[in-house]
N, C-alpha and C. Protein backbone atom coordinates (compact mmCIF):
# COMPACT_ATOMS: atom_id res chain seq x y z
N MET A 1 -1.90 -4.08 -8.19
CA MET A 1 -2.05 -2.69 -8.47
C MET A 1 -2.40 -2.46 -9.94
N ARG A 2 -1.79 -3.21 -10.81
CA ARG A 2 -1.99 -2.96 -12.23
C ARG A 2 -3.43 -3.09 -12.68
N PRO A 3 -4.21 -4.05 -12.17
CA PRO A 3 -5.62 -4.10 -12.58
C PRO A 3 -6.39 -2.84 -12.19
N PHE A 4 -6.05 -2.24 -11.03
CA PHE A 4 -6.73 -1.01 -10.62
C PHE A 4 -6.42 0.12 -11.59
N LYS A 5 -5.18 0.15 -12.07
CA LYS A 5 -4.78 1.19 -13.01
C LYS A 5 -5.59 1.07 -14.31
N GLN A 6 -5.81 -0.17 -14.74
CA GLN A 6 -6.53 -0.40 -15.98
C GLN A 6 -8.04 -0.13 -15.83
N THR A 7 -8.62 -0.51 -14.70
CA THR A 7 -10.07 -0.40 -14.55
C THR A 7 -10.55 0.94 -14.03
N CYS A 8 -9.76 1.59 -13.15
CA CYS A 8 -10.24 2.84 -12.58
C CYS A 8 -9.19 3.94 -12.47
N GLY A 9 -8.00 3.72 -13.03
CA GLY A 9 -6.99 4.75 -13.06
C GLY A 9 -6.22 4.97 -11.78
N VAL A 10 -6.36 4.08 -10.80
CA VAL A 10 -5.63 4.20 -9.54
C VAL A 10 -4.26 3.54 -9.71
N THR A 11 -3.20 4.28 -9.40
CA THR A 11 -1.84 3.77 -9.58
C THR A 11 -1.23 3.36 -8.24
N GLU A 12 -0.08 2.73 -8.32
CA GLU A 12 0.64 2.36 -7.10
C GLU A 12 1.06 3.61 -6.35
N GLU A 13 1.32 4.69 -7.06
CA GLU A 13 1.66 5.96 -6.40
C GLU A 13 0.49 6.49 -5.59
N ASP A 14 -0.73 6.38 -6.14
CA ASP A 14 -1.93 6.82 -5.41
C ASP A 14 -2.10 6.04 -4.10
N ILE A 15 -1.85 4.73 -4.16
CA ILE A 15 -1.99 3.90 -2.97
C ILE A 15 -0.89 4.21 -1.96
N ALA A 16 0.34 4.44 -2.46
CA ALA A 16 1.44 4.79 -1.56
C ALA A 16 1.14 6.12 -0.86
N LYS A 17 0.61 7.10 -1.58
CA LYS A 17 0.27 8.39 -0.98
C LYS A 17 -0.87 8.23 0.05
N ARG A 18 -1.79 7.35 -0.24
CA ARG A 18 -2.89 7.13 0.71
C ARG A 18 -2.38 6.47 1.99
N LEU A 19 -1.37 5.58 1.86
CA LEU A 19 -0.77 4.98 3.05
C LEU A 19 -0.11 6.06 3.92
N ILE A 20 0.47 7.07 3.29
CA ILE A 20 1.05 8.18 4.02
C ILE A 20 -0.04 8.90 4.81
N ASP A 21 -1.22 9.07 4.17
CA ASP A 21 -2.34 9.70 4.87
C ASP A 21 -2.73 8.93 6.14
N TYR A 22 -2.54 7.62 6.11
CA TYR A 22 -2.84 6.78 7.26
C TYR A 22 -1.68 6.74 8.26
N GLY A 23 -0.59 7.45 7.97
CA GLY A 23 0.53 7.53 8.88
C GLY A 23 1.62 6.49 8.68
N PHE A 24 1.59 5.80 7.55
CA PHE A 24 2.63 4.80 7.26
C PHE A 24 3.63 5.35 6.26
N HIS A 25 4.85 4.88 6.37
CA HIS A 25 5.89 5.23 5.39
C HIS A 25 5.51 4.58 4.07
N ALA A 26 5.65 5.33 3.00
CA ALA A 26 5.30 4.77 1.67
C ALA A 26 6.22 3.61 1.34
N PRO A 27 5.65 2.53 0.80
CA PRO A 27 6.49 1.37 0.46
C PRO A 27 7.27 1.64 -0.85
N THR A 28 8.20 0.76 -1.12
CA THR A 28 8.95 0.83 -2.37
C THR A 28 7.99 0.61 -3.53
N MET A 29 8.09 1.43 -4.55
CA MET A 29 7.20 1.31 -5.69
C MET A 29 7.96 0.83 -6.94
N SER A 30 7.29 -0.02 -7.68
CA SER A 30 7.77 -0.49 -9.00
C SER A 30 9.15 -1.12 -8.96
N PHE A 31 9.50 -1.75 -7.86
CA PHE A 31 10.74 -2.51 -7.79
C PHE A 31 10.46 -3.79 -7.01
N PRO A 32 10.82 -4.91 -7.47
CA PRO A 32 11.51 -5.18 -8.73
C PRO A 32 10.58 -5.30 -9.95
N ILE A 33 9.28 -5.21 -9.75
CA ILE A 33 8.33 -5.35 -10.84
C ILE A 33 7.58 -4.04 -11.04
N PRO A 34 7.59 -3.48 -12.24
CA PRO A 34 6.88 -2.22 -12.48
C PRO A 34 5.39 -2.31 -12.13
N GLY A 35 4.83 -1.23 -11.58
CA GLY A 35 3.42 -1.17 -11.28
C GLY A 35 3.00 -1.91 -10.03
N THR A 36 3.93 -2.12 -9.12
CA THR A 36 3.62 -2.86 -7.89
C THR A 36 4.15 -2.11 -6.66
N LEU A 37 3.76 -2.57 -5.49
CA LEU A 37 4.29 -2.08 -4.23
C LEU A 37 5.04 -3.23 -3.53
N MET A 38 6.15 -2.93 -2.93
CA MET A 38 6.87 -3.98 -2.17
C MET A 38 6.69 -3.68 -0.68
N ILE A 39 5.94 -4.54 -0.03
CA ILE A 39 5.69 -4.40 1.41
C ILE A 39 6.59 -5.39 2.13
N GLU A 40 7.46 -4.87 2.99
CA GLU A 40 8.37 -5.75 3.73
C GLU A 40 8.55 -5.27 5.15
N PRO A 41 7.64 -5.70 6.03
CA PRO A 41 7.78 -5.30 7.45
C PRO A 41 9.01 -5.95 8.07
N THR A 42 9.55 -5.28 9.07
CA THR A 42 10.72 -5.82 9.74
C THR A 42 10.30 -6.56 11.01
N GLU A 43 11.24 -7.23 11.61
CA GLU A 43 10.97 -7.98 12.84
C GLU A 43 10.59 -7.08 13.98
N SER A 44 10.95 -5.81 13.87
CA SER A 44 10.67 -4.89 14.98
C SER A 44 9.22 -4.36 14.95
N GLU A 45 8.47 -4.63 13.91
CA GLU A 45 7.07 -4.21 13.83
C GLU A 45 6.23 -5.08 14.77
N SER A 46 5.42 -4.43 15.58
CA SER A 46 4.56 -5.20 16.50
C SER A 46 3.36 -5.75 15.74
N LYS A 47 2.70 -6.72 16.33
CA LYS A 47 1.49 -7.27 15.72
C LYS A 47 0.44 -6.18 15.58
N MET A 48 0.35 -5.31 16.56
CA MET A 48 -0.62 -4.23 16.51
C MET A 48 -0.35 -3.32 15.30
N GLU A 49 0.91 -3.00 15.05
CA GLU A 49 1.27 -2.15 13.92
C GLU A 49 0.95 -2.86 12.59
N LEU A 50 1.22 -4.15 12.53
CA LEU A 50 0.87 -4.91 11.32
C LEU A 50 -0.63 -4.98 11.12
N ASP A 51 -1.38 -5.12 12.19
CA ASP A 51 -2.85 -5.14 12.08
C ASP A 51 -3.35 -3.79 11.59
N LEU A 52 -2.77 -2.69 12.11
CA LEU A 52 -3.17 -1.36 11.64
C LEU A 52 -2.87 -1.17 10.17
N PHE A 53 -1.71 -1.69 9.75
CA PHE A 53 -1.37 -1.59 8.32
C PHE A 53 -2.35 -2.37 7.46
N CYS A 54 -2.68 -3.57 7.90
CA CYS A 54 -3.65 -4.38 7.16
C CYS A 54 -5.00 -3.68 7.07
N GLU A 55 -5.41 -3.07 8.19
CA GLU A 55 -6.67 -2.35 8.22
C GLU A 55 -6.65 -1.17 7.25
N ALA A 56 -5.52 -0.48 7.20
CA ALA A 56 -5.38 0.65 6.27
C ALA A 56 -5.47 0.17 4.82
N MET A 57 -4.80 -0.95 4.52
CA MET A 57 -4.86 -1.49 3.16
C MET A 57 -6.29 -1.92 2.78
N ILE A 58 -6.99 -2.51 3.72
CA ILE A 58 -8.38 -2.91 3.46
C ILE A 58 -9.24 -1.66 3.22
N ASN A 59 -9.04 -0.64 4.02
CA ASN A 59 -9.80 0.60 3.84
C ASN A 59 -9.49 1.25 2.49
N ILE A 60 -8.23 1.25 2.10
CA ILE A 60 -7.84 1.81 0.80
C ILE A 60 -8.50 1.01 -0.32
N ARG A 61 -8.50 -0.29 -0.19
CA ARG A 61 -9.14 -1.13 -1.21
C ARG A 61 -10.63 -0.81 -1.29
N ASN A 62 -11.28 -0.59 -0.16
CA ASN A 62 -12.71 -0.26 -0.17
C ASN A 62 -12.97 1.12 -0.80
N GLU A 63 -12.01 2.01 -0.66
CA GLU A 63 -12.13 3.34 -1.27
C GLU A 63 -12.05 3.25 -2.81
N ILE A 64 -11.31 2.30 -3.30
CA ILE A 64 -11.15 2.14 -4.73
C ILE A 64 -12.44 1.67 -5.34
């Protein structure tokens, strides 16, 4: 996340808000390392849900 902040002004908060737009709960931000997102799916997440999350992250990256 930090390189995006330096090169184009996109912060971890911007990415977390965009994940909400895709229907996902915003991940933990800046813990334990400032300027990062902590993604930790649980065992109850289906493969389909994980694939949708990955697709959302790829789309967000393409938007940047």
